[in-house]
N, C-alpha and C. Protein backbone atom coordinates (compact mmCIF):
# COMPACT_ATOMS: atom_id res chain seq x y z
N MET A 1 190.73 23.32 -85.59
CA MET A 1 190.70 21.91 -85.83
C MET A 1 189.89 21.64 -87.09
N ASN A 2 190.28 20.60 -87.83
CA ASN A 2 189.59 20.22 -89.05
C ASN A 2 189.59 18.70 -89.16
N LEU A 3 188.50 18.13 -89.63
CA LEU A 3 188.44 16.68 -89.85
C LEU A 3 189.34 16.33 -91.03
N ASN A 4 190.25 15.41 -90.82
CA ASN A 4 191.18 15.01 -91.88
C ASN A 4 190.53 14.05 -92.85
N GLN A 5 190.04 12.93 -92.35
CA GLN A 5 189.46 11.92 -93.23
C GLN A 5 188.66 10.91 -92.42
N VAL A 6 187.93 10.08 -93.13
CA VAL A 6 187.24 8.93 -92.57
C VAL A 6 187.77 7.73 -93.32
N THR A 7 188.03 6.63 -92.60
CA THR A 7 188.52 5.41 -93.24
C THR A 7 187.46 4.33 -93.13
N LEU A 8 187.11 3.74 -94.26
CA LEU A 8 186.12 2.68 -94.32
C LEU A 8 186.80 1.32 -94.43
N PRO A 9 186.28 0.30 -93.74
CA PRO A 9 186.81 -1.05 -93.92
C PRO A 9 186.25 -1.65 -95.21
N VAL A 10 187.06 -2.43 -95.91
CA VAL A 10 186.58 -3.09 -97.12
C VAL A 10 187.08 -4.53 -97.15
N LYS A 11 186.33 -5.37 -97.89
CA LYS A 11 186.65 -6.80 -98.01
C LYS A 11 187.52 -7.08 -99.23
N ASN A 12 187.36 -6.29 -100.27
CA ASN A 12 188.07 -6.51 -101.54
C ASN A 12 188.52 -5.15 -102.05
N MET A 13 189.82 -4.88 -101.97
CA MET A 13 190.33 -3.55 -102.31
C MET A 13 190.11 -3.18 -103.78
N PRO A 14 190.47 -4.03 -104.75
CA PRO A 14 190.25 -3.62 -106.15
C PRO A 14 188.78 -3.33 -106.46
N GLU A 15 187.88 -4.13 -105.93
CA GLU A 15 186.45 -3.91 -106.15
C GLU A 15 185.99 -2.59 -105.52
N ALA A 16 186.45 -2.32 -104.31
CA ALA A 16 186.08 -1.09 -103.62
C ALA A 16 186.65 0.15 -104.33
N VAL A 17 187.90 0.08 -104.74
CA VAL A 17 188.52 1.21 -105.46
C VAL A 17 187.75 1.50 -106.74
N ALA A 18 187.41 0.47 -107.49
CA ALA A 18 186.66 0.67 -108.73
C ALA A 18 185.30 1.31 -108.45
N PHE A 19 184.63 0.89 -107.39
CA PHE A 19 183.33 1.45 -107.02
C PHE A 19 183.43 2.95 -106.74
N TYR A 20 184.38 3.35 -105.92
CA TYR A 20 184.49 4.76 -105.55
C TYR A 20 184.97 5.62 -106.72
N GLN A 21 185.77 5.05 -107.60
CA GLN A 21 186.14 5.78 -108.80
C GLN A 21 184.91 5.97 -109.69
N LEU A 22 184.06 4.97 -109.77
CA LEU A 22 182.83 5.08 -110.55
C LEU A 22 181.92 6.18 -109.99
N LEU A 23 181.95 6.37 -108.66
CA LEU A 23 181.17 7.45 -108.05
C LEU A 23 181.76 8.82 -108.38
N GLY A 24 183.02 8.87 -108.83
CA GLY A 24 183.61 10.14 -109.25
C GLY A 24 184.74 10.65 -108.38
N PHE A 25 185.22 9.83 -107.45
CA PHE A 25 186.30 10.26 -106.57
C PHE A 25 187.66 9.99 -107.23
N THR A 26 188.66 10.79 -106.88
CA THR A 26 190.00 10.67 -107.46
C THR A 26 190.90 9.87 -106.53
N LEU A 27 191.44 8.79 -107.03
CA LEU A 27 192.35 7.94 -106.26
C LEU A 27 193.70 8.65 -106.14
N ILE A 28 194.17 8.84 -104.89
CA ILE A 28 195.46 9.53 -104.68
C ILE A 28 196.49 8.65 -103.98
N VAL A 29 196.06 7.56 -103.34
CA VAL A 29 196.97 6.57 -102.76
C VAL A 29 196.40 5.20 -103.09
N ASP A 30 197.26 4.31 -103.61
CA ASP A 30 196.78 3.00 -104.05
C ASP A 30 197.79 1.93 -103.65
N THR A 31 197.45 1.17 -102.61
CA THR A 31 198.29 0.03 -102.20
C THR A 31 197.36 -1.18 -102.07
N PRO A 32 197.91 -2.37 -101.94
CA PRO A 32 197.05 -3.55 -101.79
C PRO A 32 196.17 -3.52 -100.53
N HIS A 33 196.59 -2.80 -99.50
CA HIS A 33 195.85 -2.80 -98.23
C HIS A 33 195.23 -1.46 -97.85
N TYR A 34 195.52 -0.40 -98.63
CA TYR A 34 195.04 0.94 -98.27
C TYR A 34 194.88 1.78 -99.54
N ALA A 35 193.78 2.51 -99.61
CA ALA A 35 193.56 3.45 -100.72
C ALA A 35 192.99 4.74 -100.14
N ARG A 36 193.33 5.83 -100.80
CA ARG A 36 192.81 7.13 -100.35
C ARG A 36 192.30 7.90 -101.55
N PHE A 37 191.19 8.61 -101.34
CA PHE A 37 190.54 9.35 -102.40
C PHE A 37 190.39 10.81 -102.03
N GLU A 38 190.38 11.63 -103.06
CA GLU A 38 190.13 13.05 -102.93
C GLU A 38 188.74 13.32 -103.49
N CYS A 39 187.97 14.13 -102.80
CA CYS A 39 186.65 14.50 -103.30
C CYS A 39 186.82 15.50 -104.45
N PRO A 40 185.90 15.49 -105.42
CA PRO A 40 186.02 16.38 -106.57
C PRO A 40 185.99 17.86 -106.21
N GLU A 41 185.34 18.22 -105.11
CA GLU A 41 185.27 19.62 -104.68
C GLU A 41 185.79 19.73 -103.25
N GLY A 42 186.39 20.85 -102.93
CA GLY A 42 186.88 21.06 -101.57
C GLY A 42 188.17 20.31 -101.32
N GLY A 43 188.54 20.19 -100.08
CA GLY A 43 189.80 19.54 -99.73
C GLY A 43 189.61 18.24 -98.97
N SER A 44 188.43 17.70 -98.97
CA SER A 44 188.16 16.48 -98.19
C SER A 44 188.72 15.23 -98.86
N THR A 45 189.13 14.29 -98.02
CA THR A 45 189.57 12.99 -98.48
C THR A 45 188.90 11.92 -97.62
N PHE A 46 188.92 10.70 -98.13
CA PHE A 46 188.51 9.54 -97.33
C PHE A 46 189.35 8.37 -97.81
N SER A 47 189.41 7.33 -96.98
CA SER A 47 190.27 6.21 -97.33
C SER A 47 189.57 4.88 -97.08
N LEU A 48 190.18 3.84 -97.63
CA LEU A 48 189.72 2.47 -97.48
C LEU A 48 190.84 1.65 -96.88
N SER A 49 190.48 0.75 -95.98
CA SER A 49 191.47 -0.13 -95.35
C SER A 49 191.01 -1.57 -95.53
N LEU A 50 191.86 -2.40 -96.10
CA LEU A 50 191.53 -3.80 -96.33
C LEU A 50 191.50 -4.54 -95.00
N GLU A 51 190.39 -5.22 -94.74
CA GLU A 51 190.22 -5.98 -93.50
C GLU A 51 190.13 -7.47 -93.84
N SER A 52 190.91 -8.28 -93.15
CA SER A 52 190.89 -9.72 -93.41
C SER A 52 189.89 -10.45 -92.52
N GLU A 53 189.52 -9.84 -91.42
CA GLU A 53 188.54 -10.43 -90.50
C GLU A 53 187.14 -9.91 -90.83
N PRO A 54 186.10 -10.68 -90.52
CA PRO A 54 184.72 -10.18 -90.72
C PRO A 54 184.49 -8.90 -89.91
N PHE A 55 183.70 -8.00 -90.45
CA PHE A 55 183.43 -6.73 -89.76
C PHE A 55 182.02 -6.27 -90.09
N THR A 56 181.53 -5.40 -89.23
CA THR A 56 180.32 -4.64 -89.51
C THR A 56 180.66 -3.18 -89.25
N ASN A 57 180.11 -2.32 -90.05
CA ASN A 57 180.39 -0.90 -89.91
C ASN A 57 179.06 -0.18 -89.76
N GLY A 58 178.83 0.42 -88.61
CA GLY A 58 177.59 1.12 -88.36
C GLY A 58 177.61 2.57 -88.79
N ALA A 59 178.75 3.06 -89.25
CA ALA A 59 178.84 4.45 -89.69
C ALA A 59 178.11 4.65 -91.01
N VAL A 60 177.62 5.85 -91.22
CA VAL A 60 177.02 6.24 -92.50
C VAL A 60 177.87 7.37 -93.04
N ILE A 61 178.32 7.23 -94.28
CA ILE A 61 179.18 8.24 -94.90
C ILE A 61 178.33 9.07 -95.85
N TYR A 62 178.41 10.39 -95.71
CA TYR A 62 177.62 11.33 -96.51
C TYR A 62 178.52 12.07 -97.49
N PHE A 63 178.09 12.13 -98.75
CA PHE A 63 178.77 12.91 -99.76
C PHE A 63 177.74 13.88 -100.36
N GLU A 64 178.06 15.18 -100.32
CA GLU A 64 177.11 16.21 -100.75
C GLU A 64 177.41 16.68 -102.17
N HIS A 65 176.33 16.89 -102.94
CA HIS A 65 176.46 17.41 -104.30
C HIS A 65 175.21 18.21 -104.64
N GLN A 66 175.41 19.43 -105.11
CA GLN A 66 174.27 20.31 -105.41
C GLN A 66 173.39 19.72 -106.50
N GLU A 67 173.96 19.03 -107.45
CA GLU A 67 173.20 18.43 -108.56
C GLU A 67 172.91 16.96 -108.25
N LEU A 68 172.34 16.72 -107.08
CA LEU A 68 172.11 15.35 -106.60
C LEU A 68 171.34 14.49 -107.60
N ASP A 69 170.22 14.98 -108.11
CA ASP A 69 169.40 14.18 -109.01
C ASP A 69 170.17 13.78 -110.27
N ASN A 70 170.91 14.72 -110.84
CA ASN A 70 171.70 14.40 -112.03
C ASN A 70 172.81 13.41 -111.71
N TRP A 71 173.44 13.57 -110.54
CA TRP A 71 174.51 12.66 -110.13
C TRP A 71 173.95 11.25 -110.00
N VAL A 72 172.84 11.11 -109.32
CA VAL A 72 172.22 9.79 -109.12
C VAL A 72 171.81 9.20 -110.47
N ASP A 73 171.19 9.98 -111.33
CA ASP A 73 170.80 9.47 -112.66
C ASP A 73 172.02 8.96 -113.43
N GLY A 74 173.11 9.71 -113.37
CA GLY A 74 174.34 9.29 -114.04
C GLY A 74 174.89 7.99 -113.48
N LEU A 75 174.82 7.84 -112.15
CA LEU A 75 175.32 6.62 -111.52
C LEU A 75 174.43 5.42 -111.86
N ILE A 76 173.13 5.64 -111.91
CA ILE A 76 172.22 4.56 -112.29
C ILE A 76 172.53 4.09 -113.71
N SER A 77 172.83 5.03 -114.59
CA SER A 77 173.15 4.67 -115.98
C SER A 77 174.46 3.88 -116.06
N LYS A 78 175.31 3.98 -115.03
CA LYS A 78 176.57 3.22 -114.96
C LYS A 78 176.40 1.90 -114.23
N GLY A 79 175.17 1.59 -113.80
CA GLY A 79 174.90 0.32 -113.14
C GLY A 79 174.91 0.34 -111.63
N ILE A 80 175.04 1.50 -111.02
CA ILE A 80 175.01 1.60 -109.55
C ILE A 80 173.56 1.41 -109.09
N GLU A 81 173.37 0.58 -108.08
CA GLU A 81 172.04 0.33 -107.52
C GLU A 81 171.86 1.10 -106.22
N PHE A 82 170.65 1.64 -106.05
CA PHE A 82 170.32 2.44 -104.87
C PHE A 82 169.26 1.74 -104.04
N GLU A 83 169.36 1.87 -102.73
CA GLU A 83 168.32 1.40 -101.83
C GLU A 83 167.20 2.43 -101.74
N GLN A 84 167.56 3.70 -101.95
CA GLN A 84 166.58 4.79 -101.92
C GLN A 84 167.01 5.84 -102.93
N LEU A 85 166.13 6.21 -103.81
CA LEU A 85 166.40 7.31 -104.74
C LEU A 85 166.27 8.63 -103.99
N PRO A 86 166.74 9.74 -104.58
CA PRO A 86 166.69 11.02 -103.87
C PRO A 86 165.30 11.32 -103.31
N THR A 87 165.27 11.54 -102.00
CA THR A 87 164.03 11.76 -101.27
C THR A 87 164.25 12.90 -100.28
N MET A 88 163.30 13.84 -100.23
CA MET A 88 163.39 14.92 -99.25
C MET A 88 163.05 14.35 -97.88
N GLU A 89 163.97 14.50 -96.94
CA GLU A 89 163.79 13.97 -95.59
C GLU A 89 163.23 15.06 -94.66
N ARG A 90 162.69 14.64 -93.53
CA ARG A 90 162.07 15.56 -92.58
C ARG A 90 163.06 16.57 -92.02
N TYR A 91 164.36 16.24 -92.06
CA TYR A 91 165.39 17.15 -91.55
C TYR A 91 165.92 18.07 -92.66
N LEU A 92 165.17 18.17 -93.77
CA LEU A 92 165.40 19.13 -94.84
C LEU A 92 166.62 18.83 -95.70
N TRP A 93 167.03 17.56 -95.76
CA TRP A 93 168.09 17.13 -96.66
C TRP A 93 167.47 16.20 -97.68
N LYS A 94 167.86 16.33 -98.93
CA LYS A 94 167.44 15.39 -99.97
C LYS A 94 168.53 14.33 -100.06
N GLU A 95 168.13 13.06 -99.90
CA GLU A 95 169.12 11.98 -99.81
C GLU A 95 168.79 10.80 -100.70
N ALA A 96 169.86 10.19 -101.23
CA ALA A 96 169.79 8.89 -101.90
C ALA A 96 170.68 7.95 -101.09
N VAL A 97 170.29 6.68 -101.00
CA VAL A 97 171.01 5.72 -100.16
C VAL A 97 171.48 4.54 -101.01
N LEU A 98 172.71 4.13 -100.78
CA LEU A 98 173.28 2.96 -101.43
C LEU A 98 174.30 2.33 -100.52
N LYS A 99 174.79 1.17 -100.90
CA LYS A 99 175.85 0.50 -100.15
C LYS A 99 176.99 0.18 -101.09
N ASP A 100 178.21 0.28 -100.57
CA ASP A 100 179.36 -0.07 -101.39
C ASP A 100 179.51 -1.60 -101.41
N PRO A 101 180.45 -2.15 -102.18
CA PRO A 101 180.58 -3.61 -102.28
C PRO A 101 180.90 -4.30 -100.94
N SER A 102 181.38 -3.57 -99.94
CA SER A 102 181.66 -4.15 -98.63
C SER A 102 180.54 -3.89 -97.64
N ASN A 103 179.41 -3.40 -98.12
CA ASN A 103 178.20 -3.18 -97.33
C ASN A 103 178.28 -1.93 -96.43
N ASN A 104 179.19 -1.00 -96.74
CA ASN A 104 179.22 0.27 -96.03
C ASN A 104 178.09 1.13 -96.56
N LYS A 105 177.33 1.75 -95.66
CA LYS A 105 176.19 2.57 -96.05
C LYS A 105 176.66 3.96 -96.47
N ILE A 106 176.21 4.39 -97.65
CA ILE A 106 176.59 5.68 -98.22
C ILE A 106 175.32 6.48 -98.48
N LYS A 107 175.34 7.76 -98.15
CA LYS A 107 174.24 8.65 -98.50
C LYS A 107 174.80 9.77 -99.38
N LEU A 108 174.19 9.92 -100.53
CA LEU A 108 174.48 11.04 -101.41
C LEU A 108 173.37 12.04 -101.15
N TYR A 109 173.71 13.29 -100.93
CA TYR A 109 172.68 14.23 -100.50
C TYR A 109 172.95 15.64 -100.96
N TRP A 110 171.92 16.47 -100.82
CA TRP A 110 172.04 17.92 -100.96
C TRP A 110 171.24 18.53 -99.83
N ALA A 111 171.89 19.38 -99.04
CA ALA A 111 171.22 20.06 -97.93
C ALA A 111 171.24 21.57 -98.08
N GLY A 112 172.13 22.08 -98.91
CA GLY A 112 172.23 23.53 -99.08
C GLY A 112 172.49 24.22 -97.75
N GLU A 113 171.80 25.30 -97.52
CA GLU A 113 171.97 26.10 -96.31
C GLU A 113 171.62 25.31 -95.05
N ASN A 114 170.76 24.32 -95.19
CA ASN A 114 170.33 23.54 -94.02
C ASN A 114 171.41 22.61 -93.47
N ARG A 115 172.49 22.41 -94.21
CA ARG A 115 173.56 21.55 -93.70
C ARG A 115 174.17 22.13 -92.44
N LEU A 116 174.49 23.41 -92.46
CA LEU A 116 175.09 24.05 -91.29
C LEU A 116 174.13 24.95 -90.52
N ASN A 117 173.05 25.34 -91.16
CA ASN A 117 172.12 26.29 -90.53
C ASN A 117 170.68 25.83 -90.64
N PRO A 118 170.35 24.68 -90.05
CA PRO A 118 168.94 24.27 -90.08
C PRO A 118 168.11 25.18 -89.17
N PRO A 119 166.81 25.20 -89.35
CA PRO A 119 165.95 26.05 -88.51
C PRO A 119 166.11 25.78 -87.02
N TRP A 120 166.54 24.60 -86.64
CA TRP A 120 166.67 24.23 -85.22
C TRP A 120 168.11 24.32 -84.72
N ARG A 121 168.95 25.02 -85.45
CA ARG A 121 170.36 25.17 -85.03
C ARG A 121 170.44 25.82 -83.65
N VAL A 122 171.34 25.30 -82.83
CA VAL A 122 171.59 25.84 -81.49
C VAL A 122 172.47 27.08 -81.63
N ASN A 123 172.10 28.13 -80.93
CA ASN A 123 172.91 29.37 -80.95
C ASN A 123 173.93 29.36 -79.84
C-alpha cells in the first residue's frame, strides 16, 4: 500500500495555485475546481479542491527538504511570510510554519534519519 495524495480545500483556486507554484511545486492538473501538483523530488503528489462553503481544516501538511534553511530564505525573498522560521523541535525535526492563502497549515521541515527512525521508534 502507498499513500496516493492529500487534497486540501481552498477558497480561491488561482490564488492557491500561484502560492504552491511559488513554493516550487509543479502543476500537473489545472481546472477551475481542482488542481494537482507533483513534488520536485520523489513521486508524491497533492491536490487542491475549490470549496464554495466555509470550511476549517485541522490537518497539517508537511513537505520535507534537506536544504530547509536555504528553501525558507528563498521563499522569504519571494514574499512568503512564515509564522515560525526553521526551529529544531523536541521530536528532532527542524520545522518552519506557514499558512497558505486559504489558511491551511503547512510545515516545511527536515528530519533526516529521524523521520522514519527516531530514537523512540517502536520495533
